[in-house]
């Protein structure tokens, strides 16, 4: 298992949190599996992203 990072960084934690909630509730559109963990992380430059553990 490995972390899968989203391809986009967001300026606010709220925007990244919205994506994380969509992933938690809906999963990805093209797969039947749901991630075990979904986290919002902060980069050193202060931007936010989402990472999932399958």
PDB file of N, CA and C in Angstrom:
ATOM      1  N   UNK A   1       0.837  -1.175   0.000  1.00  0.00           N
ATOM      2  CA  UNK A   1       0.000   0.000   0.000  1.00  0.00           C
ATOM      3  C   UNK A   1       0.884   1.241   0.000  1.00  0.00           C
ATOM      4  N   UNK A   2       0.401   2.255  -0.674  1.00  0.00           N
ATOM      5  CA  UNK A   2       1.155   3.503  -0.759  1.00  0.00           C
ATOM      6  C   UNK A   2       0.180   4.667  -0.789  1.00  0.00           C
ATOM      7  N   UNK A   3       0.698   5.824  -0.412  1.00  0.00           N
ATOM      8  CA  UNK A   3      -0.117   7.033  -0.468  1.00  0.00           C
ATOM      9  C   UNK A   3      -0.291   7.466  -1.913  1.00  0.00           C
ATOM     10  N   UNK A   4      -1.499   7.904  -2.245  1.00  0.00           N
ATOM     11  CA  UNK A   4      -1.797   8.460  -3.557  1.00  0.00           C
ATOM     12  C   UNK A   4      -2.137   9.927  -3.333  1.00  0.00           C
ATOM     13  N   UNK A   5      -1.382  10.808  -3.968  1.00  0.00           N
ATOM     14  CA  UNK A   5      -1.574  12.245  -3.795  1.00  0.00           C
ATOM     15  C   UNK A   5      -2.425  12.795  -4.924  1.00  0.00           C
ATOM     16  N   UNK A   6      -3.304  13.741  -4.602  1.00  0.00           N
ATOM     17  CA  UNK A   6      -4.082  14.390  -5.656  1.00  0.00           C
ATOM     18  C   UNK A   6      -3.148  15.256  -6.494  1.00  0.00           C
ATOM     19  N   UNK A   7      -3.515  15.512  -7.711  1.00  0.00           N
ATOM     20  CA  UNK A   7      -2.643  16.224  -8.629  1.00  0.00           C
ATOM     21  C   UNK A   7      -2.692  17.733  -8.503  1.00  0.00           C
ATOM     22  N   UNK A   8      -3.497  18.261  -7.598  1.00  0.00           N
ATOM     23  CA  UNK A   8      -3.660  19.703  -7.503  1.00  0.00           C
ATOM     24  C   UNK A   8      -3.471  20.166  -6.068  1.00  0.00           C
ATOM     25  N   UNK A   9      -2.838  21.318  -5.905  1.00  0.00           N
ATOM     26  CA  UNK A   9      -2.704  21.944  -4.594  1.00  0.00           C
ATOM     27  C   UNK A   9      -3.661  23.124  -4.523  1.00  0.00           C
ATOM     28  N   UNK A  10      -4.209  23.363  -3.331  1.00  0.00           N
ATOM     29  CA  UNK A  10      -5.203  24.408  -3.130  1.00  0.00           C
ATOM     30  C   UNK A  10      -4.664  25.492  -2.223  1.00  0.00           C
ATOM     31  N   UNK A  11      -5.202  26.697  -2.365  1.00  0.00           N
ATOM     32  CA  UNK A  11      -4.767  27.825  -1.552  1.00  0.00           C
ATOM     33  C   UNK A  11      -5.348  27.776  -0.144  1.00  0.00           C
ATOM     34  N   UNK A  12      -6.512  27.167   0.024  1.00  0.00           N
ATOM     35  CA  UNK A  12      -7.133  27.138   1.345  1.00  0.00           C
ATOM     36  C   UNK A  12      -7.371  25.697   1.792  1.00  0.00           C
ATOM     37  N   UNK A  13      -7.381  25.530   3.096  1.00  0.00           N
ATOM     38  CA  UNK A  13      -7.645  24.210   3.672  1.00  0.00           C
ATOM     39  C   UNK A  13      -9.087  23.789   3.406  1.00  0.00           C
ATOM     40  N   UNK A  14      -9.982  24.755   3.309  1.00  0.00           N
ATOM     41  CA  UNK A  14     -11.386  24.454   3.034  1.00  0.00           C
ATOM     42  C   UNK A  14     -11.551  23.770   1.687  1.00  0.00           C
ATOM     43  N   UNK A  15     -10.874  24.277   0.651  1.00  0.00           N
ATOM     44  CA  UNK A  15     -10.972  23.685  -0.681  1.00  0.00           C
ATOM     45  C   UNK A  15     -10.465  22.249  -0.679  1.00  0.00           C
ATOM     46  N   UNK A  16      -9.337  22.009  -0.027  1.00  0.00           N
ATOM     47  CA  UNK A  16      -8.798  20.650   0.050  1.00  0.00           C
ATOM     48  C   UNK A  16      -9.720  19.760   0.868  1.00  0.00           C
ATOM     49  N   UNK A  17     -10.320  20.314   1.915  1.00  0.00           N
ATOM     50  CA  UNK A  17     -11.253  19.547   2.731  1.00  0.00           C
ATOM     51  C   UNK A  17     -12.494  19.131   1.964  1.00  0.00           C
ATOM     52  N   UNK A  18     -12.956  19.983   1.062  1.00  0.00           N
ATOM     53  CA  UNK A  18     -14.111  19.625   0.229  1.00  0.00           C
ATOM     54  C   UNK A  18     -13.789  18.445  -0.681  1.00  0.00           C
ATOM     55  N   UNK A  19     -12.596  18.456  -1.266  1.00  0.00           N
ATOM     56  CA  UNK A  19     -12.183  17.328  -2.106  1.00  0.00           C
ATOM     57  C   UNK A  19     -12.040  16.055  -1.272  1.00  0.00           C
ATOM     58  N   UNK A  20     -11.460  16.169  -0.085  1.00  0.00           N
ATOM     59  CA  UNK A  20     -11.298  15.005   0.783  1.00  0.00           C
ATOM     60  C   UNK A  20     -12.651  14.417   1.159  1.00  0.00           C
ATOM     61  N   UNK A  21     -13.630  15.256   1.418  1.00  0.00           N
ATOM     62  CA  UNK A  21     -14.974  14.777   1.755  1.00  0.00           C
ATOM     63  C   UNK A  21     -15.610  14.064   0.575  1.00  0.00           C
ATOM     64  N   UNK A  22     -15.431  14.607  -0.618  1.00  0.00           N
ATOM     65  CA  UNK A  22     -15.968  13.931  -1.810  1.00  0.00           C
ATOM     66  C   UNK A  22     -15.344  12.560  -1.991  1.00  0.00           C
ATOM     67  N   UNK A  23     -14.049  12.457  -1.764  1.00  0.00           N
ATOM     68  CA  UNK A  23     -13.366  11.171  -1.919  1.00  0.00           C
ATOM     69  C   UNK A  23     -13.852  10.196  -0.855  1.00  0.00           C
ATOM     70  N   UNK A  24     -14.008  10.661   0.387  1.00  0.00           N
ATOM     71  CA  UNK A  24     -14.485   9.782   1.464  1.00  0.00           C
ATOM     72  C   UNK A  24     -15.885   9.257   1.189  1.00  0.00           C
ATOM     73  N   UNK A  25     -16.770  10.124   0.724  1.00  0.00           N
ATOM     74  CA  UNK A  25     -18.167   9.747   0.548  1.00  0.00           C
ATOM     75  C   UNK A  25     -18.444   9.038  -0.761  1.00  0.00           C
ATOM     76  N   UNK A  26     -17.825   9.491  -1.836  1.00  0.00           N
ATOM     77  CA  UNK A  26     -18.132   8.959  -3.161  1.00  0.00           C
ATOM     78  C   UNK A  26     -17.074   8.008  -3.699  1.00  0.00           C
ATOM     79  N   UNK A  27     -15.873   8.051  -3.153  1.00  0.00           N
ATOM     80  CA  UNK A  27     -14.778   7.289  -3.741  1.00  0.00           C
ATOM     81  C   UNK A  27     -14.417   7.911  -5.078  1.00  0.00           C
ATOM     82  N   UNK A  28     -13.566   7.277  -5.810  1.00  0.00           N
ATOM     83  CA  UNK A  28     -13.271   7.764  -7.150  1.00  0.00           C
ATOM     84  C   UNK A  28     -14.314   7.211  -8.106  1.00  0.00           C
ATOM     85  N   UNK A  29     -14.607   7.941  -9.142  1.00  0.00           N
ATOM     86  CA  UNK A  29     -15.690   7.583 -10.050  1.00  0.00           C
ATOM     87  C   UNK A  29     -15.427   6.280 -10.808  1.00  0.00           C
ATOM     88  N   UNK A  30     -14.176   5.987 -11.094  1.00  0.00           N
ATOM     89  CA  UNK A  30     -13.877   4.865 -11.980  1.00  0.00           C
ATOM     90  C   UNK A  30     -13.527   3.574 -11.246  1.00  0.00           C
ATOM     91  N   UNK A  31     -13.597   3.565  -9.929  1.00  0.00           N
ATOM     92  CA  UNK A  31     -13.204   2.367  -9.191  1.00  0.00           C
ATOM     93  C   UNK A  31     -14.271   1.995  -8.171  1.00  0.00           C
ATOM     94  N   UNK A  32     -14.308   0.750  -7.795  1.00  0.00           N
ATOM     95  CA  UNK A  32     -15.270   0.272  -6.810  1.00  0.00           C
ATOM     96  C   UNK A  32     -14.727   0.354  -5.395  1.00  0.00           C
ATOM     97  N   UNK A  33     -13.427   0.570  -5.265  1.00  0.00           N
ATOM     98  CA  UNK A  33     -12.805   0.584  -3.940  1.00  0.00           C
ATOM     99  C   UNK A  33     -12.879   1.958  -3.313  1.00  0.00           C
ATOM    100  N   UNK A  34     -12.884   1.974  -1.988  1.00  0.00           N
ATOM    101  CA  UNK A  34     -12.832   3.221  -1.245  1.00  0.00           C
ATOM    102  C   UNK A  34     -11.506   3.281  -0.499  1.00  0.00           C
ATOM    103  N   UNK A  35     -10.928   4.445  -0.356  1.00  0.00           N
ATOM    104  CA  UNK A  35      -9.659   4.556   0.364  1.00  0.00           C
ATOM    105  C   UNK A  35      -9.840   4.302   1.853  1.00  0.00           C
ATOM    106  N   UNK A  36      -8.807   3.755   2.503  1.00  0.00           N
ATOM    107  CA  UNK A  36      -8.861   3.512   3.946  1.00  0.00           C
ATOM    108  C   UNK A  36      -8.743   4.809   4.717  1.00  0.00           C
ATOM    109  N   UNK A  37      -7.821   5.661   4.306  1.00  0.00           N
ATOM    110  CA  UNK A  37      -7.591   6.939   4.972  1.00  0.00           C
ATOM    111  C   UNK A  37      -7.520   8.042   3.940  1.00  0.00           C
ATOM    112  N   UNK A  38      -8.063   9.194   4.292  1.00  0.00           N
ATOM    113  CA  UNK A  38      -7.984  10.387   3.441  1.00  0.00           C
ATOM    114  C   UNK A  38      -7.548  11.539   4.338  1.00  0.00           C
ATOM    115  N   UNK A  39      -6.459  12.203   3.983  1.00  0.00           N
ATOM    116  CA  UNK A  39      -5.908  13.287   4.796  1.00  0.00           C
ATOM    117  C   UNK A  39      -5.713  14.542   3.969  1.00  0.00           C
ATOM    118  N   UNK A  40      -5.870  15.680   4.616  1.00  0.00           N
ATOM    119  CA  UNK A  40      -5.488  16.966   4.046  1.00  0.00           C
ATOM    120  C   UNK A  40      -4.122  17.299   4.629  1.00  0.00           C
ATOM    121  N   UNK A  41      -3.166  17.602   3.769  1.00  0.00           N
ATOM    122  CA  UNK A  41      -1.817  17.923   4.238  1.00  0.00           C
ATOM    123  C   UNK A  41      -1.437  19.331   3.790  1.00  0.00           C
ATOM    124  N   UNK A  42      -0.460  19.903   4.463  1.00  0.00           N
ATOM    125  CA  UNK A  42       0.024  21.246   4.156  1.00  0.00           C
ATOM    126  C   UNK A  42       1.475  21.163   3.687  1.00  0.00           C
ATOM    127  N   UNK A  43       1.769  21.843   2.589  1.00  0.00           N
ATOM    128  CA  UNK A  43       3.138  21.867   2.077  1.00  0.00           C
ATOM    129  C   UNK A  43       3.948  22.931   2.820  1.00  0.00           C
ATOM    130  N   UNK A  44       5.242  22.933   2.590  1.00  0.00           N
ATOM    131  CA  UNK A  44       6.111  23.934   3.222  1.00  0.00           C
ATOM    132  C   UNK A  44       5.798  25.345   2.752  1.00  0.00           C
ATOM    133  N   UNK A  45       5.257  25.476   1.561  1.00  0.00           N
ATOM    134  CA  UNK A  45       4.919  26.793   1.020  1.00  0.00           C
ATOM    135  C   UNK A  45       3.542  27.275   1.472  1.00  0.00           C
ATOM    136  N   UNK A  46       2.831  26.466   2.250  1.00  0.00           N
ATOM    137  CA  UNK A  46       1.554  26.886   2.805  1.00  0.00           C
ATOM    138  C   UNK A  46       0.336  26.517   1.989  1.00  0.00           C
ATOM    139  N   UNK A  47       0.510  25.711   0.964  1.00  0.00           N
ATOM    140  CA  UNK A  47      -0.634  25.253   0.171  1.00  0.00           C
ATOM    141  C   UNK A  47      -1.108  23.903   0.700  1.00  0.00           C
ATOM    142  N   UNK A  48      -2.309  23.496   0.302  1.00  0.00           N
ATOM    143  CA  UNK A  48      -2.925  22.287   0.837  1.00  0.00           C
ATOM    144  C   UNK A  48      -3.208  21.291  -0.276  1.00  0.00           C
ATOM    145  N   UNK A  49      -3.109  20.016   0.081  1.00  0.00           N
ATOM    146  CA  UNK A  49      -3.401  18.940  -0.849  1.00  0.00           C
ATOM    147  C   UNK A  49      -4.107  17.810  -0.132  1.00  0.00           C
ATOM    148  N   UNK A  50      -4.477  16.793  -0.885  1.00  0.00           N
ATOM    149  CA  UNK A  50      -5.186  15.636  -0.345  1.00  0.00           C
ATOM    150  C   UNK A  50      -4.396  14.383  -0.692  1.00  0.00           C
ATOM    151  N   UNK A  51      -4.267  13.494   0.275  1.00  0.00           N
ATOM    152  CA  UNK A  51      -3.618  12.209   0.017  1.00  0.00           C
ATOM    153  C   UNK A  51      -4.501  11.096   0.561  1.00  0.00           C
ATOM    154  N   UNK A  52      -4.472   9.955  -0.132  1.00  0.00           N
ATOM    155  CA  UNK A  52      -5.312   8.810   0.213  1.00  0.00           C
ATOM    156  C   UNK A  52      -4.453   7.569   0.367  1.00  0.00           C
ATOM    157  N   UNK A  53      -4.851   6.703   1.264  1.00  0.00           N
ATOM    158  CA  UNK A  53      -4.188   5.416   1.430  1.00  0.00           C
ATOM    159  C   UNK A  53      -5.166   4.328   1.028  1.00  0.00           C
ATOM    160  N   UNK A  54      -4.804   3.538   0.016  1.00  0.00           N
ATOM    161  CA  UNK A  54      -5.694   2.489  -0.486  1.00  0.00           C
ATOM    162  C   UNK A  54      -5.439   1.206   0.226  1.00  0.00           C
TER     163      UNK A  54
END
